């Protein structure tokens, strides 16, 4: 039945056999999905969401009932005091930028304890020179690298005892690095350490790709503020754009005034008809994240069977939806990515090429045959053209589509067609 997609019997058998080995892991994913679905449904009911919440506002966007309900739901689901959920955020990186500029003032010190943040933040922080960076406004920056894929607790303790830090940033997902993503248990442990040393430090977590992977989020284990994108996990593949910031009420208010303007903050911001999509997105998010995780688990098993290095292994505990395949070969990275594009619903006829993307030093090869441009909760695969040539694959709105996309990528990898 797979021949309609140009998938050989050998590829289909390999993937089907690997799927059987993954069933125990799939059952764990289903359990977490049920817990997260319960949280979402309970919040919808407690906040009395009605059809009128789908109504749109324009102009200034005053008195938008649906927008208020959305932010209550995100607040509840993420176990936060408050949440800011807006289509005016262009991306997760934009929301992180807003959060940094809201919380930091000239002379303040920002410390990353998960190594260098994602490439798109280099110019935001000032790691790479930019006249609009935090550095240009007098904000100081330092970083402490991970040790064996965990926080360097000794160095963090020493640094905090000798320096006054305003904000600590933690990036849970690996980005384009070779490290492992950070589990909620590791985040909880390091937040506890930080607060014991100086309770005034603001702990900020980049939670992109990590929501609903477990039944806990950083705000439920002590983090002060977290940030994520709506074209990743919590948008459920339905929200067409936007991002969220959630956490302490006072910090979220600062972020709202940085996004819009002081004195108006969260009271403005028209929804322009997006409320229904955001509500439906978070409603579907537990199931979509589960599908993405199952697709990642199957990918890990299949590619390991083919002799490639993978991280995480198919039966490892996961912190995000991202699956690494380490090809150590530029052409194989490109061919696998082209296969994912061919296995997509949109632009399946496009031939993926590496190109220069804004915010990245290396060329990037990217497959994203998605309904929403750049959505990485839909099946996608990308990677920088640099050694060791790692493919970062993530997403899938449903598991069957993820499985079919994987089959197409394996076929392309094996037969280069």
Protein backbone atom coordinates (compact mmCIF):
# COMPACT_ATOMS: atom_id res chain seq x y z
CA UNK A 1 0.00 0.00 0.00
CA UNK A 2 3.02 2.30 0.39
CA UNK A 3 4.00 2.17 -3.29
CA UNK A 4 1.75 5.15 -4.09
CA UNK A 5 4.32 7.25 -2.24
CA UNK A 6 7.29 5.53 -3.91
CA UNK A 7 8.20 3.58 -0.76
CA UNK A 8 9.76 0.17 -1.34
CA UNK A 9 8.71 -3.01 0.43
CA UNK A 10 12.12 -3.19 2.14
CA UNK A 11 11.77 0.28 3.64
CA UNK A 12 8.19 -0.41 4.74
CA UNK A 13 9.20 -3.67 6.42
CA UNK A 14 12.12 -2.01 8.24
CA UNK A 15 9.90 0.74 9.64
CA UNK A 16 7.05 -1.63 10.52
CA UNK A 17 9.45 -3.97 12.37
CA UNK A 18 10.98 -1.07 14.31
CA UNK A 19 7.52 0.19 15.20
CA UNK A 20 6.80 -3.06 17.06
CA UNK A 21 9.89 -2.48 19.22
CA UNK A 22 8.61 0.99 20.15
CA UNK A 23 5.15 0.05 21.43
CA UNK A 24 6.15 0.07 25.11
CA UNK A 25 7.54 3.60 24.73
CA UNK A 26 4.38 4.66 22.92
CA UNK A 27 2.26 3.58 25.89
CA UNK A 28 4.24 5.93 28.17
CA UNK A 29 3.57 8.79 25.74
CA UNK A 30 -0.15 8.01 25.76
CA UNK A 31 -0.21 8.19 29.56
CA UNK A 32 1.37 11.66 29.60
CA UNK A 33 -1.00 12.74 26.82
CA UNK A 34 -4.00 11.80 28.94
CA UNK A 35 -2.69 13.73 31.96
CA UNK A 36 -2.03 16.84 29.88
CA UNK A 37 -5.40 16.57 28.12
CA UNK A 38 -7.07 16.47 31.52
CA UNK A 39 -5.32 19.70 32.53
CA UNK A 40 -6.39 21.46 29.35
CA UNK A 41 -10.00 20.29 29.44
CA UNK A 42 -10.36 21.18 33.13
CA UNK A 43 -9.08 24.69 32.45
CA UNK A 44 -11.46 25.21 29.51
CA UNK A 45 -14.36 24.25 31.75
CA UNK A 46 -13.22 26.19 34.82
CA UNK A 47 -12.74 29.33 32.72
CA UNK A 48 -16.13 28.82 31.06
CA UNK A 49 -14.97 29.13 27.47
CA UNK A 50 -17.93 29.82 25.18
CA UNK A 51 -18.42 30.37 21.46
CA UNK A 52 -18.38 34.12 22.07
CA UNK A 53 -14.67 33.77 22.95
CA UNK A 54 -14.02 33.20 19.23
CA UNK A 55 -15.07 36.78 18.45
CA UNK A 56 -12.51 39.14 16.97
CA UNK A 57 -11.26 42.59 17.95
CA UNK A 58 -9.53 45.15 15.75
CA UNK A 59 -7.71 48.43 16.27
CA UNK A 60 -6.55 48.75 19.87
CA UNK A 61 -8.19 45.48 20.89
CA UNK A 62 -9.75 46.67 24.12
CA UNK A 63 -11.95 44.32 26.18
CA UNK A 64 -11.18 41.14 24.24
CA UNK A 65 -12.90 38.41 26.27
CA UNK A 66 -11.45 35.55 24.23
CA UNK A 67 -7.90 36.87 24.64
CA UNK A 68 -8.40 37.02 28.40
CA UNK A 69 -9.72 33.45 28.51
CA UNK A 70 -6.77 32.22 26.44
CA UNK A 71 -4.32 33.75 28.88
CA UNK A 72 -6.16 32.22 31.84
CA UNK A 73 -5.95 28.78 30.20
CA UNK A 74 -2.22 29.08 29.51
CA UNK A 75 -1.75 30.31 33.09
CA UNK A 76 -3.58 27.29 34.50
CA UNK A 77 -2.04 24.66 32.24
CA UNK A 78 1.49 25.94 32.87
CA UNK A 79 0.92 26.31 36.64
CA UNK A 80 1.87 29.99 36.50
CA UNK A 81 0.55 33.11 38.20
CA UNK A 82 -0.06 34.82 34.87
CA UNK A 83 0.43 34.46 31.12
CA UNK A 84 0.75 36.70 28.08
CA UNK A 85 -0.34 34.96 24.84
CA UNK A 86 -0.25 37.14 21.75
CA UNK A 87 -0.17 36.95 17.98
CA UNK A 88 1.94 40.14 18.12
CA UNK A 89 4.87 37.90 19.05
CA UNK A 90 6.44 36.96 15.72
CA UNK A 91 8.29 33.91 17.06
CA UNK A 92 9.67 32.27 20.17
CA UNK A 93 12.90 34.23 19.66
CA UNK A 94 10.91 37.47 19.56
CA UNK A 95 9.19 36.57 22.84
CA UNK A 96 12.58 35.79 24.40
CA UNK A 97 13.87 39.16 23.19
CA UNK A 98 10.87 40.94 24.73
CA UNK A 99 11.41 39.09 27.99
CA UNK A 100 15.12 39.99 28.16
CA UNK A 101 14.50 43.68 27.51
CA UNK A 102 11.59 43.72 29.97
CA UNK A 103 13.58 42.24 32.86
CA UNK A 104 17.07 43.68 32.36
CA UNK A 105 18.34 47.24 32.82
CA UNK A 106 21.70 48.88 32.04
CA UNK A 107 24.35 47.47 34.35
CA UNK A 108 22.41 44.25 35.05
CA UNK A 109 24.02 40.86 34.55
CA UNK A 110 22.45 38.09 32.46
CA UNK A 111 23.85 34.61 33.04
CA UNK A 112 23.16 31.56 30.88
CA UNK A 113 23.81 28.31 32.75
CA UNK A 114 23.09 26.02 29.79
CA UNK A 115 25.93 27.23 27.60
CA UNK A 116 25.53 29.50 24.60
CA UNK A 117 21.87 30.06 23.72
CA UNK A 118 20.32 29.36 20.33
CA UNK A 119 21.91 31.06 17.31
CA UNK A 120 19.07 33.56 16.78
CA UNK A 121 19.82 35.11 20.20
CA UNK A 122 23.47 35.93 19.41
CA UNK A 123 22.63 39.42 18.17
CA UNK A 124 19.93 39.91 20.82
CA UNK A 125 22.43 39.37 23.63
CA UNK A 126 25.42 40.92 21.89
CA UNK A 127 27.52 37.77 21.49
CA UNK A 128 27.54 38.94 17.88
CA UNK A 129 27.72 42.72 17.56
CA UNK A 130 24.46 44.56 16.91
CA UNK A 131 23.63 48.17 17.74
CA UNK A 132 20.27 47.08 19.20
CA UNK A 133 21.59 44.27 21.42
CA UNK A 134 21.39 44.00 25.20
CA UNK A 135 25.13 44.63 25.25
CA UNK A 136 24.66 47.96 23.43
CA UNK A 137 22.29 49.00 26.24
CA UNK A 138 24.85 48.19 28.91
CA UNK A 139 23.57 44.75 29.94
CA UNK A 140 26.42 42.40 30.84
CA UNK A 141 26.44 38.74 29.84
CA UNK A 142 28.25 35.59 30.89
CA UNK A 143 27.66 31.88 30.47
CA UNK A 144 28.46 28.62 32.24
CA UNK A 145 28.64 25.55 30.05
CA UNK A 146 27.02 22.24 30.87
CA UNK A 147 29.16 19.36 32.10
CA UNK A 148 28.26 15.88 30.85
CA UNK A 149 24.86 17.17 29.72
CA UNK A 150 24.02 18.50 33.18
CA UNK A 151 24.39 21.81 34.96
CA UNK A 152 27.78 22.61 36.45
CA UNK A 153 26.42 22.99 39.99
CA UNK A 154 29.82 23.71 41.53
CA UNK A 155 30.67 26.50 39.09
CA UNK A 156 27.15 27.96 39.33
CA UNK A 157 27.42 28.08 43.13
CA UNK A 158 30.83 29.73 43.00
CA UNK A 159 29.73 32.30 40.42
CA UNK A 160 26.55 33.29 42.24
CA UNK A 161 28.41 33.67 45.52
CA UNK A 162 30.77 36.16 43.88
CA UNK A 163 28.56 38.04 41.41
CA UNK A 164 25.22 39.84 41.54
CA UNK A 165 23.12 38.25 38.80
CA UNK A 166 19.75 39.73 37.78
CA UNK A 167 18.50 37.04 35.38
CA UNK A 168 19.55 33.44 34.82
CA UNK A 169 18.55 31.99 31.46
CA UNK A 170 18.11 28.26 30.87
CA UNK A 171 17.51 26.85 27.41
CA UNK A 172 16.01 23.39 27.78
CA UNK A 173 16.13 22.24 24.17
CA UNK A 174 19.50 21.60 22.57
CA UNK A 175 19.15 24.03 19.67
CA UNK A 176 21.85 23.35 17.06
CA UNK A 177 24.28 21.99 19.66
CA UNK A 178 25.37 18.40 20.26
CA UNK A 179 24.31 18.32 23.91
CA UNK A 180 21.25 16.60 25.32
CA UNK A 181 18.11 18.55 26.12
CA UNK A 182 17.45 19.30 29.77
CA UNK A 183 14.84 17.32 31.67
CA UNK A 184 12.33 18.91 34.02
CA UNK A 185 14.04 17.08 36.91
CA UNK A 186 17.37 18.79 36.15
CA UNK A 187 15.65 22.15 35.87
CA UNK A 188 13.95 21.63 39.24
CA UNK A 189 17.24 20.71 40.91
CA UNK A 190 19.16 23.73 39.61
CA UNK A 191 16.32 26.18 40.35
CA UNK A 192 16.29 24.98 43.94
CA UNK A 193 20.05 25.57 44.18
CA UNK A 194 19.79 29.07 42.70
CA UNK A 195 16.98 30.11 45.03
CA UNK A 196 18.88 28.85 48.08
CA UNK A 197 21.81 31.10 47.14
CA UNK A 198 19.82 34.19 46.11
CA UNK A 199 16.05 34.14 46.02
CA UNK A 200 15.96 37.49 44.17
CA UNK A 201 17.51 36.06 41.00
CA UNK A 202 14.96 35.74 38.20
CA UNK A 203 15.12 32.29 36.64
CA UNK A 204 13.94 32.45 33.04
CA UNK A 205 13.47 29.27 30.98
CA UNK A 206 13.30 28.95 27.22
CA UNK A 207 10.73 26.16 27.10
CA UNK A 208 10.45 25.85 23.30
CA UNK A 209 9.89 22.28 22.06
CA UNK A 210 9.40 21.00 25.63
CA UNK A 211 5.77 21.70 26.58
CA UNK A 212 3.60 18.63 27.30
CA UNK A 213 6.52 16.23 26.84
CA UNK A 214 6.05 15.44 30.52
CA UNK A 215 3.20 16.41 32.83
CA UNK A 216 5.25 19.18 34.50
CA UNK A 217 6.53 22.53 33.24
CA UNK A 218 9.34 24.73 34.67
CA UNK A 219 6.86 27.12 36.28
CA UNK A 220 5.52 24.25 38.37
CA UNK A 221 9.02 23.46 39.72
CA UNK A 222 10.15 26.95 40.73
CA UNK A 223 11.10 28.85 37.58
CA UNK A 224 9.99 32.49 37.64
CA UNK A 225 9.16 32.91 33.96
CA UNK A 226 9.05 30.73 30.83
CA UNK A 227 8.78 31.44 27.12
CA UNK A 228 7.54 29.38 24.18
CA UNK A 229 6.25 29.58 20.62
CA UNK A 230 2.75 28.86 19.31
CA UNK A 231 4.09 27.36 16.08
CA UNK A 232 5.67 24.72 18.26
CA UNK A 233 4.06 22.49 20.89
CA UNK A 234 1.28 24.56 22.46
CA UNK A 235 -0.11 25.80 19.15
CA UNK A 236 -1.07 22.25 18.26
CA UNK A 237 -0.35 22.89 14.58
CA UNK A 238 -3.45 25.10 14.40
CA UNK A 239 -2.32 28.49 15.75
CA UNK A 240 -0.89 30.32 12.71
CA UNK A 241 1.64 32.37 14.68
CA UNK A 242 2.36 33.86 18.10
CA UNK A 243 4.10 32.97 21.34
CA UNK A 244 3.57 33.07 25.09
CA UNK A 245 5.31 34.26 28.24
CA UNK A 246 4.12 32.79 31.55
CA UNK A 247 5.20 33.05 35.18
CA UNK A 248 5.14 35.53 38.04
CA UNK A 249 2.46 38.19 37.61
CA UNK A 250 4.82 41.15 38.09
CA UNK A 251 7.28 39.82 35.51
CA UNK A 252 4.57 39.06 32.96
CA UNK A 253 3.26 42.62 33.39
CA UNK A 254 6.73 43.99 32.62
CA UNK A 255 6.83 41.86 29.48
CA UNK A 256 3.38 43.10 28.41
CA UNK A 257 4.52 46.71 28.70
CA UNK A 258 7.64 45.95 26.68
CA UNK A 259 5.62 44.21 23.95
CA UNK A 260 3.20 47.14 23.63
CA UNK A 261 3.94 50.26 25.66
CA UNK A 262 4.14 51.37 29.31
CA UNK A 263 0.77 52.30 30.71
CA UNK A 264 -1.20 50.15 28.28
CA UNK A 265 0.56 46.79 28.43
CA UNK A 266 -1.76 43.82 28.02
CA UNK A 267 -4.91 45.94 27.64
CA UNK A 268 -4.15 46.46 23.95
CA UNK A 269 -3.45 44.08 21.11
CA UNK A 270 -6.24 43.13 18.68
CA UNK A 271 -6.76 39.42 18.09
CA UNK A 272 -7.97 39.84 14.48
CA UNK A 273 -9.88 36.57 14.50
CA UNK A 274 -7.12 34.31 15.86
CA UNK A 275 -8.76 33.35 19.18
CA UNK A 276 -10.48 30.23 17.90
CA UNK A 277 -7.23 28.92 16.38
CA UNK A 278 -5.24 29.51 19.56
CA UNK A 279 -7.92 27.88 21.71
CA UNK A 280 -8.27 24.92 19.36
CA UNK A 281 -4.50 24.68 19.15
CA UNK A 282 -3.88 24.29 22.86
CA UNK A 283 -6.87 21.93 23.04
CA UNK A 284 -5.21 19.66 20.45
CA UNK A 285 -1.67 20.20 21.74
CA UNK A 286 -1.42 17.16 24.07
CA UNK A 287 -2.36 14.82 21.22
CA UNK A 288 -0.14 16.55 18.66
CA UNK A 289 2.86 16.53 21.00
CA UNK A 290 2.25 12.82 21.61
CA UNK A 291 2.24 12.20 17.85
CA UNK A 292 5.48 14.17 17.50
CA UNK A 293 7.11 12.14 20.26
CA UNK A 294 6.04 8.84 18.72
CA UNK A 295 7.42 9.96 15.36
CA UNK A 296 10.72 10.92 17.01
CA UNK A 297 10.94 7.60 18.86
CA UNK A 298 10.31 5.62 15.67
CA UNK A 299 12.85 7.73 13.77
CA UNK A 300 15.46 7.07 16.43
CA UNK A 301 14.91 3.32 16.26
CA UNK A 302 14.93 3.13 12.46
CA UNK A 303 18.02 5.27 11.95
CA UNK A 304 19.91 3.41 14.65
CA UNK A 305 19.03 0.16 12.90
CA UNK A 306 20.56 1.65 9.75
CA UNK A 307 23.81 2.27 11.62
CA UNK A 308 23.60 5.99 12.34
CA UNK A 309 24.25 7.70 15.67
CA UNK A 310 21.04 9.03 17.20
CA UNK A 311 20.20 11.14 20.25
CA UNK A 312 18.04 10.43 22.16
CA UNK A 313 17.90 6.65 21.78
CA UNK A 314 14.41 5.37 21.08
CA UNK A 315 13.92 4.22 24.70
CA UNK A 316 15.53 7.21 26.43
CA UNK A 317 13.46 9.55 28.55
CA UNK A 318 12.79 12.68 26.51
CA UNK A 319 12.79 16.37 27.41
CA UNK A 320 11.60 17.74 24.05
CA UNK A 321 10.24 16.67 20.68
CA UNK A 322 13.57 16.98 18.84
CA UNK A 323 15.35 13.94 17.40
CA UNK A 324 19.01 14.15 16.34
CA UNK A 325 20.50 11.99 13.60
CA UNK A 326 24.27 12.40 13.38
CA UNK A 327 25.23 11.69 9.76
CA UNK A 328 28.86 12.91 9.73
CA UNK A 329 28.29 13.39 6.01
CA UNK A 330 26.98 16.58 4.39
CA UNK A 331 25.30 14.80 1.49
CA UNK A 332 23.44 12.32 3.71
CA UNK A 333 22.15 15.19 5.87
CA UNK A 334 20.84 16.93 2.77
CA UNK A 335 19.32 13.77 1.26
CA UNK A 336 17.48 12.85 4.47
CA UNK A 337 16.13 16.39 4.76
CA UNK A 338 14.99 16.26 1.13
CA UNK A 339 13.19 13.02 1.92
CA UNK A 340 11.26 14.66 4.76
CA UNK A 341 10.24 17.43 2.36
CA UNK A 342 9.09 14.85 -0.18
CA UNK A 343 7.05 13.15 2.55
CA UNK A 344 5.21 16.37 3.42
CA UNK A 345 1.75 17.52 2.35
CA UNK A 346 2.80 21.00 1.23
CA UNK A 347 5.56 21.70 -1.33
CA UNK A 348 6.40 18.01 -1.60
CA UNK A 349 7.77 18.69 -5.09
CA UNK A 350 10.34 21.20 -3.77
CA UNK A 351 14.02 20.22 -3.74
CA UNK A 352 15.59 21.39 -0.49
CA UNK A 353 18.89 23.29 -0.76
CA UNK A 354 21.15 24.70 1.94
CA UNK A 355 20.97 28.49 2.09
CA UNK A 356 21.84 31.55 4.15
CA UNK A 357 19.16 32.22 6.75
CA UNK A 358 18.81 35.39 8.87
CA UNK A 359 20.22 34.86 12.36
CA UNK A 360 22.55 31.96 11.49
CA UNK A 361 26.30 31.99 10.73
CA UNK A 362 26.25 28.69 8.82
CA UNK A 363 24.09 27.77 5.87
CA UNK A 364 21.02 25.79 6.96
CA UNK A 365 19.19 23.00 5.15
CA UNK A 366 15.53 22.89 6.11
CA UNK A 367 12.50 20.78 5.22
CA UNK A 368 9.21 22.29 6.30
CA UNK A 369 6.34 21.20 4.10
CA UNK A 370 3.92 22.70 6.58
CA UNK A 371 0.58 24.48 6.57
CA UNK A 372 2.13 27.25 8.71
CA UNK A 373 5.42 28.68 7.51
CA UNK A 374 8.27 27.59 9.79
CA UNK A 375 6.04 25.46 12.02
CA UNK A 376 8.14 22.88 13.85
CA UNK A 377 5.26 21.06 15.51
CA UNK A 378 4.42 19.92 11.99
CA UNK A 379 6.85 17.36 10.55
CA UNK A 380 10.08 19.20 9.81
CA UNK A 381 13.80 18.61 9.67
CA UNK A 382 16.70 21.03 9.54
CA UNK A 383 20.36 21.37 10.35
CA UNK A 384 23.35 23.66 9.90
CA UNK A 385 25.88 22.74 7.22
CA UNK A 386 28.70 22.13 9.66
CA UNK A 387 30.34 19.09 11.18
CA UNK A 388 29.23 16.60 12.43
CA UNK A 389 26.27 17.22 10.05
CA UNK A 390 23.35 16.63 12.39
CA UNK A 391 19.73 16.50 11.27
CA UNK A 392 17.33 17.94 13.85
CA UNK A 393 13.93 16.39 13.16
CA UNK A 394 10.76 17.25 15.04
CA UNK A 395 7.01 17.40 14.90
CA UNK A 396 4.10 15.66 13.17
CA UNK A 397 0.44 16.56 13.48
CA UNK A 398 -0.45 12.86 13.55
CA UNK A 399 1.66 9.76 14.05
CA UNK A 400 0.62 8.07 10.75
CA UNK A 401 1.76 11.15 8.78
CA UNK A 402 5.02 11.16 10.74
CA UNK A 403 5.58 7.49 9.98
CA UNK A 404 4.95 8.04 6.26
CA UNK A 405 7.29 11.03 6.19
CA UNK A 406 9.99 8.99 7.87
CA UNK A 407 9.54 6.18 5.33
CA UNK A 408 9.99 8.65 2.48
CA UNK A 409 13.14 10.08 4.09
CA UNK A 410 14.63 6.61 4.63
CA UNK A 411 13.82 5.70 1.01
CA UNK A 412 15.57 8.86 -0.19
CA UNK A 413 18.56 8.23 2.07
CA UNK A 414 18.96 4.63 0.90
CA UNK A 415 18.26 5.12 -2.78
CA UNK A 416 18.96 8.85 -3.35
CA UNK A 417 15.84 9.54 -5.40
